[in-house]
Amino acid sequence: MIIIPAGVSATDAAAAARIYWTLKTIGHGQQAILDGGFRAWTADPARPVETGPSAERTAPPYPVVMQQRRIPKGPAIAYCNTGHTAALNWFVLSELLGREEVALYDGSMTDWTQDPERPVATGAE
């Protein structure tokens, strides 16, 4: 399955990453996110756009090039307010960088703060 974000903002990429994470978590199988989304695809007139059902096609592996940055080692948990934006952090760490021990807390702060016994830092101490 290819997930095709609109390709107009970072929130498109985060939404696509959340769909990717959900499908992977439920064991859907192979899924991919179209680099640049629909906007980048349609910017090249040589790329076809079909408006109906199409036959399944295979594609060669897509090379990924990224800058090397120092990322701390050890387990990491991506979270935000609801888990949707954090899905992009999880996607980059887990799927692009191949880092193990990366999790997405899908309930994020909305879930965490439902229990008043859980600690929450609210400012500098």
PDB file of N, CA and C in Angstrom:
ATOM      1  N   MET A   1       0.840  -1.158   0.000  1.00  0.00           N
ATOM      2  CA  MET A   1       0.000   0.000   0.000  1.00  0.00           C
ATOM      3  C   MET A   1       0.893   1.231   0.000  1.00  0.00           C
ATOM      4  N   ILE A   2       0.559   2.181  -0.835  1.00  0.00           N
ATOM      5  CA  ILE A   2       1.302   3.439  -0.874  1.00  0.00           C
ATOM      6  C   ILE A   2       0.425   4.525  -0.273  1.00  0.00           C
ATOM      7  N   ILE A   3       0.949   5.191   0.742  1.00  0.00           N
ATOM      8  CA  ILE A   3       0.248   6.285   1.401  1.00  0.00           C
ATOM      9  C   ILE A   3       0.679   7.568   0.697  1.00  0.00           C
ATOM     10  N   ILE A   4      -0.291   8.339   0.225  1.00  0.00           N
ATOM     11  CA  ILE A   4       0.013   9.532  -0.563  1.00  0.00           C
ATOM     12  C   ILE A   4      -0.481  10.773   0.164  1.00  0.00           C
ATOM     13  N   PRO A   5       0.423  11.464   0.877  1.00  0.00           N
ATOM     14  CA  PRO A   5       0.016  12.721   1.508  1.00  0.00           C
ATOM     15  C   PRO A   5      -0.144  13.809   0.444  1.00  0.00           C
ATOM     16  N   ALA A   6      -0.795  14.901   0.800  1.00  0.00           N
ATOM     17  CA  ALA A   6      -0.977  16.003  -0.148  1.00  0.00           C
ATOM     18  C   ALA A   6       0.372  16.579  -0.574  1.00  0.00           C
ATOM     19  N   GLY A   7       1.317  16.630   0.359  1.00  0.00           N
ATOM     20  CA  GLY A   7       2.647  17.139   0.021  1.00  0.00           C
ATOM     21  C   GLY A   7       2.762  18.645   0.083  1.00  0.00           C
ATOM     22  N   VAL A   8       1.955  19.275   0.920  1.00  0.00           N
ATOM     23  CA  VAL A   8       2.008  20.736   1.005  1.00  0.00           C
ATOM     24  C   VAL A   8       2.534  21.254   2.339  1.00  0.00           C
ATOM     25  N   SER A   9       2.613  20.400   3.361  1.00  0.00           N
ATOM     26  CA  SER A   9       3.115  20.860   4.662  1.00  0.00           C
ATOM     27  C   SER A   9       3.651  19.688   5.473  1.00  0.00           C
ATOM     28  N   ALA A  10       4.350  20.033   6.558  1.00  0.00           N
ATOM     29  CA  ALA A  10       4.900  19.006   7.445  1.00  0.00           C
ATOM     30  C   ALA A  10       3.787  18.197   8.107  1.00  0.00           C
ATOM     31  N   THR A  11       2.629  18.809   8.308  1.00  0.00           N
ATOM     32  CA  THR A  11       1.534  18.059   8.923  1.00  0.00           C
ATOM     33  C   THR A  11       1.039  16.956   7.992  1.00  0.00           C
ATOM     34  N   ASP A  12       1.187  17.154   6.673  1.00  0.00           N
ATOM     35  CA  ASP A  12       0.850  16.076   5.735  1.00  0.00           C
ATOM     36  C   ASP A  12       1.746  14.873   5.976  1.00  0.00           C
ATOM     37  N   ALA A  13       3.038  15.134   6.155  1.00  0.00           N
ATOM     38  CA  ALA A  13       3.994  14.055   6.387  1.00  0.00           C
ATOM     39  C   ALA A  13       3.698  13.356   7.711  1.00  0.00           C
ATOM     40  N   ALA A  14       3.352  14.125   8.741  1.00  0.00           N
ATOM     41  CA  ALA A  14       3.029  13.534  10.039  1.00  0.00           C
ATOM     42  C   ALA A  14       1.778  12.666   9.950  1.00  0.00           C
ATOM     43  N   ALA A  15       0.766  13.128   9.230  1.00  0.00           N
ATOM     44  CA  ALA A  15      -0.461  12.327   9.075  1.00  0.00           C
ATOM     45  C   ALA A  15      -0.168  11.039   8.321  1.00  0.00           C
ATOM     46  N   ALA A  16       0.659  11.129   7.294  1.00  0.00           N
ATOM     47  CA  ALA A  16       1.034   9.928   6.539  1.00  0.00           C
ATOM     48  C   ALA A  16       1.815   8.959   7.424  1.00  0.00           C
ATOM     49  N   ALA A  17       2.708   9.499   8.252  1.00  0.00           N
ATOM     50  CA  ALA A  17       3.480   8.652   9.160  1.00  0.00           C
ATOM     51  C   ALA A  17       2.576   7.961  10.177  1.00  0.00           C
ATOM     52  N   ARG A  18       1.539   8.650  10.623  1.00  0.00           N
ATOM     53  CA  ARG A  18       0.599   8.046  11.577  1.00  0.00           C
ATOM     54  C   ARG A  18      -0.152   6.888  10.915  1.00  0.00           C
ATOM     55  N   ILE A  19      -0.567   7.070   9.671  1.00  0.00           N
ATOM     56  CA  ILE A  19      -1.238   5.985   8.942  1.00  0.00           C
ATOM     57  C   ILE A  19      -0.281   4.815   8.766  1.00  0.00           C
ATOM     58  N   TYR A  20       0.964   5.107   8.390  1.00  0.00           N
ATOM     59  CA  TYR A  20       1.989   4.079   8.214  1.00  0.00           C
ATOM     60  C   TYR A  20       2.152   3.297   9.519  1.00  0.00           C
ATOM     61  N   TRP A  21       2.308   4.019  10.644  1.00  0.00           N
ATOM     62  CA  TRP A  21       2.505   3.382  11.951  1.00  0.00           C
ATOM     63  C   TRP A  21       1.312   2.495  12.297  1.00  0.00           C
ATOM     64  N   THR A  22       0.101   2.999  12.061  1.00  0.00           N
ATOM     65  CA  THR A  22      -1.102   2.233  12.377  1.00  0.00           C
ATOM     66  C   THR A  22      -1.137   0.932  11.574  1.00  0.00           C
ATOM     67  N   LEU A  23      -0.883   1.029  10.280  1.00  0.00           N
ATOM     68  CA  LEU A  23      -0.886  -0.169   9.435  1.00  0.00           C
ATOM     69  C   LEU A  23       0.192  -1.164   9.862  1.00  0.00           C
ATOM     70  N   LYS A  24       1.382  -0.657  10.187  1.00  0.00           N
ATOM     71  CA  LYS A  24       2.471  -1.539  10.627  1.00  0.00           C
ATOM     72  C   LYS A  24       2.112  -2.202  11.954  1.00  0.00           C
ATOM     73  N   THR A  25       1.519  -1.437  12.862  1.00  0.00           N
ATOM     74  CA  THR A  25       1.171  -1.958  14.184  1.00  0.00           C
ATOM     75  C   THR A  25       0.132  -3.071  14.102  1.00  0.00           C
ATOM     76  N   ILE A  26      -0.820  -2.944  13.193  1.00  0.00           N
ATOM     77  CA  ILE A  26      -1.844  -3.992  13.077  1.00  0.00           C
ATOM     78  C   ILE A  26      -1.402  -5.144  12.183  1.00  0.00           C
ATOM     79  N   GLY A  27      -0.154  -5.070  11.676  1.00  0.00           N
ATOM     80  CA  GLY A  27       0.388  -6.166  10.879  1.00  0.00           C
ATOM     81  C   GLY A  27      -0.111  -6.192   9.445  1.00  0.00           C
ATOM     82  N   HIS A  28      -0.429  -5.047   8.897  1.00  0.00           N
ATOM     83  CA  HIS A  28      -0.970  -4.977   7.539  1.00  0.00           C
ATOM     84  C   HIS A  28      -0.034  -5.571   6.501  1.00  0.00           C
ATOM     85  N   GLY A  29       1.249  -5.422   6.663  1.00  0.00           N
ATOM     86  CA  GLY A  29       2.198  -5.899   5.651  1.00  0.00           C
ATOM     87  C   GLY A  29       3.047  -4.751   5.180  1.00  0.00           C
ATOM     88  N   GLN A  30       3.303  -4.703   3.888  1.00  0.00           N
ATOM     89  CA  GLN A  30       4.160  -3.643   3.367  1.00  0.00           C
ATOM     90  C   GLN A  30       3.361  -2.380   3.092  1.00  0.00           C
ATOM     91  N   GLN A  31       3.931  -1.259   3.500  1.00  0.00           N
ATOM     92  CA  GLN A  31       3.364   0.036   3.206  1.00  0.00           C
ATOM     93  C   GLN A  31       4.515   1.006   2.987  1.00  0.00           C
ATOM     94  N   ALA A  32       4.248   2.068   2.250  1.00  0.00           N
ATOM     95  CA  ALA A  32       5.263   3.074   1.954  1.00  0.00           C
ATOM     96  C   ALA A  32       4.585   4.429   1.863  1.00  0.00           C
ATOM     97  N   ILE A  33       5.384   5.487   2.079  1.00  0.00           N
ATOM     98  CA  ILE A  33       4.897   6.857   1.943  1.00  0.00           C
ATOM     99  C   ILE A  33       5.542   7.450   0.697  1.00  0.00           C
ATOM    100  N   LEU A  34       4.727   8.023  -0.179  1.00  0.00           N
ATOM    101  CA  LEU A  34       5.236   8.636  -1.405  1.00  0.00           C
ATOM    102  C   LEU A  34       6.023   9.886  -1.050  1.00  0.00           C
ATOM    103  N   ASP A  35       7.321   9.870  -1.344  1.00  0.00           N
ATOM    104  CA  ASP A  35       8.215  10.985  -1.041  1.00  0.00           C
ATOM    105  C   ASP A  35       7.741  12.249  -1.764  1.00  0.00           C
ATOM    106  N   GLY A  36       7.445  13.287  -1.019  1.00  0.00           N
ATOM    107  CA  GLY A  36       6.982  14.544  -1.597  1.00  0.00           C
ATOM    108  C   GLY A  36       5.482  14.605  -1.794  1.00  0.00           C
ATOM    109  N   GLY A  37       4.807  13.481  -1.651  1.00  0.00           N
ATOM    110  CA  GLY A  37       3.362  13.457  -1.758  1.00  0.00           C
ATOM    111  C   GLY A  37       2.829  13.701  -3.162  1.00  0.00           C
ATOM    112  N   PHE A  38       1.526  13.935  -3.230  1.00  0.00           N
ATOM    113  CA  PHE A  38       0.841  14.129  -4.503  1.00  0.00           C
ATOM    114  C   PHE A  38       1.344  15.375  -5.229  1.00  0.00           C
ATOM    115  N   ARG A  39       1.654  16.406  -4.455  1.00  0.00           N
ATOM    116  CA  ARG A  39       2.141  17.649  -5.067  1.00  0.00           C
ATOM    117  C   ARG A  39       3.427  17.428  -5.854  1.00  0.00           C
ATOM    118  N   ALA A  40       4.387  16.723  -5.265  1.00  0.00           N
ATOM    119  CA  ALA A  40       5.656  16.467  -5.950  1.00  0.00           C
ATOM    120  C   ALA A  40       5.456  15.534  -7.144  1.00  0.00           C
ATOM    121  N   TRP A  41       4.584  14.544  -6.982  1.00  0.00           N
ATOM    122  CA  TRP A  41       4.337  13.600  -8.071  1.00  0.00           C
ATOM    123  C   TRP A  41       3.766  14.319  -9.290  1.00  0.00           C
ATOM    124  N   THR A  42       2.769  15.157  -9.064  1.00  0.00           N
ATOM    125  CA  THR A  42       2.098  15.819 -10.182  1.00  0.00           C
ATOM    126  C   THR A  42       2.886  17.007 -10.734  1.00  0.00           C
ATOM    127  N   ALA A  43       3.944  17.434 -10.055  1.00  0.00           N
ATOM    128  CA  ALA A  43       4.769  18.532 -10.561  1.00  0.00           C
ATOM    129  C   ALA A  43       5.567  18.115 -11.792  1.00  0.00           C
ATOM    130  N   ASP A  44       5.767  16.816 -11.960  1.00  0.00           N
ATOM    131  CA  ASP A  44       6.492  16.287 -13.116  1.00  0.00           C
ATOM    132  C   ASP A  44       5.471  15.793 -14.140  1.00  0.00           C
ATOM    133  N   PRO A  45       5.350  16.470 -15.283  1.00  0.00           N
ATOM    134  CA  PRO A  45       4.337  16.068 -16.268  1.00  0.00           C
ATOM    135  C   PRO A  45       4.551  14.669 -16.840  1.00  0.00           C
ATOM    136  N   ALA A  46       5.740  14.105 -16.654  1.00  0.00           N
ATOM    137  CA  ALA A  46       6.007  12.765 -17.177  1.00  0.00           C
ATOM    138  C   ALA A  46       5.406  11.671 -16.284  1.00  0.00           C
ATOM    139  N   ARG A  47       4.984  12.047 -15.089  1.00  0.00           N
ATOM    140  CA  ARG A  47       4.419  11.049 -14.170  1.00  0.00           C
ATOM    141  C   ARG A  47       2.910  10.942 -14.388  1.00  0.00           C
ATOM    142  N   PRO A  48       2.426   9.736 -14.576  1.00  0.00           N
ATOM    143  CA  PRO A  48       0.992   9.565 -14.838  1.00  0.00           C
ATOM    144  C   PRO A  48       0.147   9.704 -13.577  1.00  0.00           C
ATOM    145  N   VAL A  49      -1.064  10.163 -13.776  1.00  0.00           N
ATOM    146  CA  VAL A  49      -2.055  10.194 -12.704  1.00  0.00           C
ATOM    147  C   VAL A  49      -3.309   9.532 -13.262  1.00  0.00           C
ATOM    148  N   GLU A  50      -3.712   8.432 -12.647  1.00  0.00           N
ATOM    149  CA  GLU A  50      -4.901   7.716 -13.099  1.00  0.00           C
ATOM    150  C   GLU A  50      -6.056   8.026 -12.160  1.00  0.00           C
ATOM    151  N   THR A  51      -7.231   8.082 -12.684  1.00  0.00           N
ATOM    152  CA  THR A  51      -8.386   8.433 -11.871  1.00  0.00           C
ATOM    153  C   THR A  51      -9.291   7.251 -11.560  1.00  0.00           C
ATOM    154  N   GLY A  52      -8.853   6.069 -11.888  1.00  0.00           N
ATOM    155  CA  GLY A  52      -9.660   4.887 -11.599  1.00  0.00           C
ATOM    156  C   GLY A  52      -8.803   3.781 -11.058  1.00  0.00           C
ATOM    157  N   PRO A  53      -9.390   2.585 -10.858  1.00  0.00           N
ATOM    158  CA  PRO A  53      -8.586   1.456 -10.382  1.00  0.00           C
ATOM    159  C   PRO A  53      -7.448   1.168 -11.361  1.00  0.00           C
ATOM    160  N   SER A  54      -6.303   0.836 -10.822  1.00  0.00           N
ATOM    161  CA  SER A  54      -5.158   0.540 -11.674  1.00  0.00           C
ATOM    162  C   SER A  54      -4.565  -0.809 -11.304  1.00  0.00           C
ATOM    163  N   ALA A  55      -3.815  -1.349 -12.229  1.00  0.00           N
ATOM    164  CA  ALA A  55      -3.163  -2.639 -11.999  1.00  0.00           C
ATOM    165  C   ALA A  55      -2.010  -2.458 -11.022  1.00  0.00           C
ATOM    166  N   GLU A  56      -1.769  -3.477 -10.213  1.00  0.00           N
ATOM    167  CA  GLU A  56      -0.668  -3.434  -9.264  1.00  0.00           C
ATOM    168  C   GLU A  56       0.654  -3.441 -10.013  1.00  0.00           C
ATOM    169  N   ARG A  57       1.587  -2.604  -9.594  1.00  0.00           N
ATOM    170  CA  ARG A  57       2.900  -2.521 -10.232  1.00  0.00           C
ATOM    171  C   ARG A  57       3.983  -2.617  -9.165  1.00  0.00           C
ATOM    172  N   THR A  58       5.120  -3.160  -9.556  1.00  0.00           N
ATOM    173  CA  THR A  58       6.257  -3.201  -8.646  1.00  0.00           C
ATOM    174  C   THR A  58       7.236  -2.108  -9.047  1.00  0.00           C
ATOM    175  N   ALA A  59       8.011  -1.665  -8.093  1.00  0.00           N
ATOM    176  CA  ALA A  59       8.979  -0.602  -8.346  1.00  0.00           C
ATOM    177  C   ALA A  59      10.324  -0.996  -7.758  1.00  0.00           C
ATOM    178  N   PRO A  60      11.420  -0.509  -8.348  1.00  0.00           N
ATOM    179  CA  PRO A  60      12.731  -0.800  -7.770  1.00  0.00           C
ATOM    180  C   PRO A  60      12.888  -0.078  -6.433  1.00  0.00           C
ATOM    181  N   PRO A  61      13.817  -0.520  -5.589  1.00  0.00           N
ATOM    182  CA  PRO A  61      14.035   0.154  -4.296  1.00  0.00           C
ATOM    183  C   PRO A  61      14.372   1.633  -4.502  1.00  0.00           C
ATOM    184  N   TYR A  62      13.881   2.456  -3.586  1.00  0.00           N
ATOM    185  CA  TYR A  62      14.097   3.898  -3.661  1.00  0.00           C
ATOM    186  C   TYR A  62      15.252   4.265  -2.732  1.00  0.00           C
ATOM    187  N   PRO A  63      16.298   4.895  -3.258  1.00  0.00           N
ATOM    188  CA  PRO A  63      17.422   5.252  -2.385  1.00  0.00           C
ATOM    189  C   PRO A  63      17.067   6.430  -1.482  1.00  0.00           C
ATOM    190  N   VAL A  64      17.477   6.359  -0.237  1.00  0.00           N
ATOM    191  CA  VAL A  64      17.235   7.434   0.722  1.00  0.00           C
ATOM    192  C   VAL A  64      18.572   8.060   1.081  1.00  0.00           C
ATOM    193  N   VAL A  65      18.657   9.371   0.940  1.00  0.00           N
ATOM    194  CA  VAL A  65      19.867  10.104   1.284  1.00  0.00           C
ATOM    195  C   VAL A  65      19.512  11.094   2.384  1.00  0.00           C
ATOM    196  N   MET A  66      20.274  11.089   3.457  1.00  0.00           N
ATOM    197  CA  MET A  66      19.999  12.021   4.547  1.00  0.00           C
ATOM    198  C   MET A  66      21.289  12.453   5.208  1.00  0.00           C
ATOM    199  N   GLN A  67      21.235  13.554   5.912  1.00  0.00           N
ATOM    200  CA  GLN A  67      22.401  14.044   6.623  1.00  0.00           C
ATOM    201  C   GLN A  67      22.628  13.201   7.868  1.00  0.00           C
ATOM    202  N   GLN A  68      23.894  13.024   8.198  1.00  0.00           N
ATOM    203  CA  GLN A  68      24.231  12.310   9.420  1.00  0.00           C
ATOM    204  C   GLN A  68      24.203  13.284  10.590  1.00  0.00           C
ATOM    205  N   ARG A  69      23.454  12.970  11.593  1.00  0.00           N
ATOM    206  CA  ARG A  69      23.390  13.782  12.808  1.00  0.00           C
ATOM    207  C   ARG A  69      23.584  12.856  13.994  1.00  0.00           C
ATOM    208  N   ARG A  70      24.121  13.397  15.066  1.00  0.00           N
ATOM    209  CA  ARG A  70      24.313  12.594  16.271  1.00  0.00           C
ATOM    210  C   ARG A  70      22.985  12.441  16.992  1.00  0.00           C
ATOM    211  N   ILE A  71      22.568  11.202  17.141  1.00  0.00           N
ATOM    212  CA  ILE A  71      21.327  10.891  17.836  1.00  0.00           C
ATOM    213  C   ILE A  71      21.699  10.049  19.052  1.00  0.00           C
ATOM    214  N   PRO A  72      21.259  10.467  20.250  1.00  0.00           N
ATOM    215  CA  PRO A  72      21.602   9.704  21.456  1.00  0.00           C
ATOM    216  C   PRO A  72      21.171   8.252  21.325  1.00  0.00           C
ATOM    217  N   LYS A  73      21.956   7.357  21.917  1.00  0.00           N
ATOM    218  CA  LYS A  73      21.648   5.923  21.865  1.00  0.00           C
ATOM    219  C   LYS A  73      20.676   5.556  22.968  1.00  0.00           C
ATOM    220  N   GLY A  74      20.084   4.383  22.839  1.00  0.00           N
ATOM    221  CA  GLY A  74      19.161   3.883  23.841  1.00  0.00           C
ATOM    222  C   GLY A  74      17.722   3.982  23.378  1.00  0.00           C
ATOM    223  N   PRO A  75      16.819   3.462  24.186  1.00  0.00           N
ATOM    224  CA  PRO A  75      15.405   3.472  23.816  1.00  0.00           C
ATOM    225  C   PRO A  75      14.871   4.897  23.684  1.00  0.00           C
ATOM    226  N   ALA A  76      13.896   5.070  22.816  1.00  0.00           N
ATOM    227  CA  ALA A  76      13.271   6.382  22.629  1.00  0.00           C
ATOM    228  C   ALA A  76      11.765   6.190  22.490  1.00  0.00           C
ATOM    229  N   ILE A  77      11.007   7.112  23.076  1.00  0.00           N
ATOM    230  CA  ILE A  77       9.553   7.105  22.954  1.00  0.00           C
ATOM    231  C   ILE A  77       9.142   8.449  22.369  1.00  0.00           C
ATOM    232  N   ALA A  78       8.492   8.399  21.223  1.00  0.00           N
ATOM    233  CA  ALA A  78       8.000   9.622  20.591  1.00  0.00           C
ATOM    234  C   ALA A  78       6.596   9.903  21.114  1.00  0.00           C
ATOM    235  N   TYR A  79       6.358  11.146  21.521  1.00  0.00           N
ATOM    236  CA  TYR A  79       5.034  11.527  21.991  1.00  0.00           C
ATOM    237  C   TYR A  79       4.791  12.997  21.687  1.00  0.00           C
ATOM    238  N   CYS A  80       3.545  13.390  21.707  1.00  0.00           N
ATOM    239  CA  CYS A  80       3.157  14.793  21.525  1.00  0.00           C
ATOM    240  C   CYS A  80       1.854  14.969  22.291  1.00  0.00           C
ATOM    241  N   ASN A  81       0.922  15.724  21.771  1.00  0.00           N
ATOM    242  CA  ASN A  81      -0.354  15.901  22.454  1.00  0.00           C
ATOM    243  C   ASN A  81      -1.266  14.688  22.276  1.00  0.00           C
ATOM    244  N   THR A  82      -1.409  14.218  21.032  1.00  0.00           N
ATOM    245  CA  THR A  82      -2.305  13.087  20.760  1.00  0.00           C
ATOM    246  C   THR A  82      -1.623  11.906  20.088  1.00  0.00           C
ATOM    247  N   GLY A  83      -0.351  12.024  19.746  1.00  0.00           N
ATOM    248  CA  GLY A  83       0.369  10.944  19.088  1.00  0.00           C
ATOM    249  C   GLY A  83       0.411  11.057  17.580  1.00  0.00           C
ATOM    250  N   HIS A  84      -0.277  12.029  17.021  1.00  0.00           N
ATOM    251  CA  HIS A  84      -0.296  12.150  15.566  1.00  0.00           C
ATOM    252  C   HIS A  84       0.969  12.813  15.029  1.00  0.00           C
ATOM    253  N   THR A  85       1.364  13.934  15.581  1.00  0.00           N
ATOM    254  CA  THR A  85       2.577  14.616  15.121  1.00  0.00           C
ATOM    255  C   THR A  85       3.821  13.814  15.464  1.00  0.00           C
ATOM    256  N   ALA A  86       3.822  13.157  16.612  1.00  0.00           N
ATOM    257  CA  ALA A  86       4.968  12.354  17.033  1.00  0.00           C
ATOM    258  C   ALA A  86       5.212  11.166  16.122  1.00  0.00           C
ATOM    259  N   ALA A  87       4.208  10.777  15.350  1.00  0.00           N
ATOM    260  CA  ALA A  87       4.371   9.665  14.418  1.00  0.00           C
ATOM    261  C   ALA A  87       5.471   9.956  13.400  1.00  0.00           C
ATOM    262  N   LEU A  88       5.651  11.226  13.056  1.00  0.00           N
ATOM    263  CA  LEU A  88       6.718  11.589  12.122  1.00  0.00           C
ATOM    264  C   LEU A  88       8.087  11.358  12.752  1.00  0.00           C
ATOM    265  N   ASN A  89       8.252  11.699  14.026  1.00  0.00           N
ATOM    266  CA  ASN A  89       9.518  11.430  14.726  1.00  0.00           C
ATOM    267  C   ASN A  89       9.791   9.929  14.763  1.00  0.00           C
ATOM    268  N   TRP A  90       8.748   9.146  15.108  1.00  0.00           N
ATOM    269  CA  TRP A  90       8.903   7.689  15.132  1.00  0.00           C
ATOM    270  C   TRP A  90       9.310   7.181  13.760  1.00  0.00           C
ATOM    271  N   PHE A  91       8.658   7.663  12.700  1.00  0.00           N
ATOM    272  CA  PHE A  91       8.938   7.203  11.342  1.00  0.00           C
ATOM    273  C   PHE A  91      10.392   7.459  10.961  1.00  0.00           C
ATOM    274  N   VAL A  92      10.889   8.649  11.236  1.00  0.00           N
ATOM    275  CA  VAL A  92      12.276   8.976  10.886  1.00  0.00           C
ATOM    276  C   VAL A  92      13.249   8.104  11.667  1.00  0.00           C
ATOM    277  N   LEU A  93      13.064   8.000  12.979  1.00  0.00           N
ATOM    278  CA  LEU A  93      13.982   7.210  13.801  1.00  0.00           C
ATOM    279  C   LEU A  93      13.914   5.718  13.478  1.00  0.00           C
ATOM    280  N   SER A  94      12.724   5.177  13.399  1.00  0.00           N
ATOM    281  CA  SER A  94      12.557   3.738  13.225  1.00  0.00           C
ATOM    282  C   SER A  94      12.709   3.275  11.783  1.00  0.00           C
ATOM    283  N   GLU A  95      11.992   3.917  10.876  1.00  0.00           N
ATOM    284  CA  GLU A  95      11.921   3.414   9.512  1.00  0.00           C
ATOM    285  C   GLU A  95      13.019   3.955   8.602  1.00  0.00           C
ATOM    286  N   LEU A  96      13.389   5.217   8.756  1.00  0.00           N
ATOM    287  CA  LEU A  96      14.444   5.777   7.901  1.00  0.00           C
ATOM    288  C   LEU A  96      15.841   5.515   8.457  1.00  0.00           C
ATOM    289  N   LEU A  97      16.018   5.744   9.761  1.00  0.00           N
ATOM    290  CA  LEU A  97      17.339   5.553  10.362  1.00  0.00           C
ATOM    291  C   LEU A  97      17.568   4.123  10.842  1.00  0.00           C
ATOM    292  N   GLY A  98      16.516   3.318  10.884  1.00  0.00           N
ATOM    293  CA  GLY A  98      16.656   1.921  11.286  1.00  0.00           C
ATOM    294  C   GLY A  98      16.994   1.723  12.745  1.00  0.00           C
ATOM    295  N   ARG A  99      16.668   2.690  13.562  1.00  0.00           N
ATOM    296  CA  ARG A  99      16.991   2.604  14.986  1.00  0.00           C
ATOM    297  C   ARG A  99      16.029   1.638  15.673  1.00  0.00           C
ATOM    298  N   GLU A 100      16.585   0.771  16.504  1.00  0.00           N
ATOM    299  CA  GLU A 100      15.767  -0.173  17.264  1.00  0.00           C
ATOM    300  C   GLU A 100      15.332   0.481  18.566  1.00  0.00           C
ATOM    301  N   GLU A 101      14.386  -0.122  19.232  1.00  0.00           N
ATOM    302  CA  GLU A 101      13.869   0.366  20.511  1.00  0.00           C
ATOM    303  C   GLU A 101      13.273   1.770  20.407  1.00  0.00           C
ATOM    304  N   VAL A 102      12.504   2.002  19.347  1.00  0.00           N
ATOM    305  CA  VAL A 102      11.779   3.260  19.189  1.00  0.00           C
ATOM    306  C   VAL A 102      10.296   2.937  19.239  1.00  0.00           C
ATOM    307  N   ALA A 103       9.567   3.657  20.068  1.00  0.00           N
ATOM    308  CA  ALA A 103       8.133   3.417  20.214  1.00  0.00           C
ATOM    309  C   ALA A 103       7.379   4.728  20.041  1.00  0.00           C
ATOM    310  N   LEU A 104       6.132   4.608  19.647  1.00  0.00           N
ATOM    311  CA  LEU A 104       5.235   5.752  19.577  1.00  0.00           C
ATOM    312  C   LEU A 104       4.192   5.577  20.670  1.00  0.00           C
ATOM    313  N   TYR A 105       4.110   6.533  21.566  1.00  0.00           N
ATOM    314  CA  TYR A 105       3.065   6.515  22.589  1.00  0.00           C
ATOM    315  C   TYR A 105       1.841   7.147  21.938  1.00  0.00           C
ATOM    316  N   ASP A 106       0.968   6.296  21.391  1.00  0.00           N
ATOM    317  CA  ASP A 106      -0.128   6.797  20.570  1.00  0.00           C
ATOM    318  C   ASP A 106      -1.131   7.638  21.344  1.00  0.00           C
ATOM    319  N   GLY A 107      -1.281   7.424  22.621  1.00  0.00           N
ATOM    320  CA  GLY A 107      -2.190   8.257  23.428  1.00  0.00           C
ATOM    321  C   GLY A 107      -1.553   9.572  23.824  1.00  0.00           C
ATOM    322  N   SER A 108      -0.225   9.569  23.880  1.00  0.00           N
ATOM    323  CA  SER A 108       0.580  10.737  24.225  1.00  0.00           C
ATOM    324  C   SER A 108       0.045  11.467  25.461  1.00  0.00           C
ATOM    325  N   MET A 109       0.201  12.786  25.503  1.00  0.00           N
ATOM    326  CA  MET A 109      -0.156  13.550  26.697  1.00  0.00           C
ATOM    327  C   MET A 109      -1.652  13.496  27.000  1.00  0.00           C
ATOM    328  N   THR A 110      -2.469  13.380  25.972  1.00  0.00           N
ATOM    329  CA  THR A 110      -3.913  13.294  26.205  1.00  0.00           C
ATOM    330  C   THR A 110      -4.238  12.082  27.072  1.00  0.00           C
ATOM    331  N   ASP A 111      -3.605  10.960  26.798  1.00  0.00           N
ATOM    332  CA  ASP A 111      -3.814   9.753  27.583  1.00  0.00           C
ATOM    333  C   ASP A 111      -3.104   9.847  28.934  1.00  0.00           C
ATOM    334  N   TRP A 112      -1.850  10.284  28.929  1.00  0.00           N
ATOM    335  CA  TRP A 112      -1.033  10.323  30.147  1.00  0.00           C
ATOM    336  C   TRP A 112      -1.678  11.164  31.246  1.00  0.00           C
ATOM    337  N   THR A 113      -2.217  12.312  30.877  1.00  0.00           N
ATOM    338  CA  THR A 113      -2.752  13.236  31.882  1.00  0.00           C
ATOM    339  C   THR A 113      -4.148  12.860  32.392  1.00  0.00           C
ATOM    340  N   GLN A 114      -4.727  11.768  31.902  1.00  0.00           N
ATOM    341  CA  GLN A 114      -6.025  11.317  32.407  1.00  0.00           C
ATOM    342  C   GLN A 114      -5.915  10.770  33.827  1.00  0.00           C
ATOM    343  N   ASP A 115      -4.719  10.341  34.216  1.00  0.00           N
ATOM    344  CA  ASP A 115      -4.493   9.813  35.562  1.00  0.00           C
ATOM    345  C   ASP A 115      -3.723  10.868  36.359  1.00  0.00           C
ATOM    346  N   PRO A 116      -4.358  11.496  37.364  1.00  0.00           N
ATOM    347  CA  PRO A 116      -3.683  12.557  38.123  1.00  0.00           C
ATOM    348  C   PRO A 116      -2.468  12.081  38.917  1.00  0.00           C
ATOM    349  N   GLU A 117      -2.298  10.760  39.062  1.00  0.00           N
ATOM    350  CA  GLU A 117      -1.148  10.225  39.791  1.00  0.00           C
ATOM    351  C   GLU A 117       0.123  10.225  38.938  1.00  0.00           C
ATOM    352  N   ARG A 118      -0.017  10.373  37.638  1.00  0.00           N
ATOM    353  CA  ARG A 118       1.160  10.368  36.769  1.00  0.00           C
ATOM    354  C   ARG A 118       1.860  11.712  36.816  1.00  0.00           C
ATOM    355  N   PRO A 119       3.190  11.703  36.875  1.00  0.00           N
ATOM    356  CA  PRO A 119       3.928  12.970  36.967  1.00  0.00           C
ATOM    357  C   PRO A 119       3.903  13.751  35.639  1.00  0.00           C
ATOM    358  N   VAL A 120       3.791  15.063  35.771  1.00  0.00           N
ATOM    359  CA  VAL A 120       3.851  15.959  34.625  1.00  0.00           C
ATOM    360  C   VAL A 120       4.659  17.182  35.041  1.00  0.00           C
ATOM    361  N   ALA A 121       5.743  17.459  34.314  1.00  0.00           N
ATOM    362  CA  ALA A 121       6.543  18.658  34.594  1.00  0.00           C
ATOM    363  C   ALA A 121       5.854  19.843  33.937  1.00  0.00           C
ATOM    364  N   THR A 122       5.587  20.885  34.718  1.00  0.00           N
ATOM    365  CA  THR A 122       4.858  22.046  34.196  1.00  0.00           C
ATOM    366  C   THR A 122       5.716  23.300  34.063  1.00  0.00           C
ATOM    367  N   GLY A 123       6.970  23.216  34.392  1.00  0.00           N
ATOM    368  CA  GLY A 123       7.838  24.385  34.281  1.00  0.00           C
ATOM    369  C   GLY A 123       9.167  24.116  34.937  1.00  0.00           C
ATOM    370  N   ALA A 124      10.054  25.110  34.884  1.00  0.00           N
ATOM    371  CA  ALA A 124      11.381  24.965  35.489  1.00  0.00           C
ATOM    372  C   ALA A 124      11.253  24.857  37.001  1.00  0.00           C
ATOM    373  N   GLU A 125      12.016  23.951  37.555  1.00  0.00           N
ATOM    374  CA  GLU A 125      11.988  23.769  39.014  1.00  0.00           C
ATOM    375  C   GLU A 125      13.313  24.111  39.611  1.00  0.00           C
TER     376      GLU A 125
END
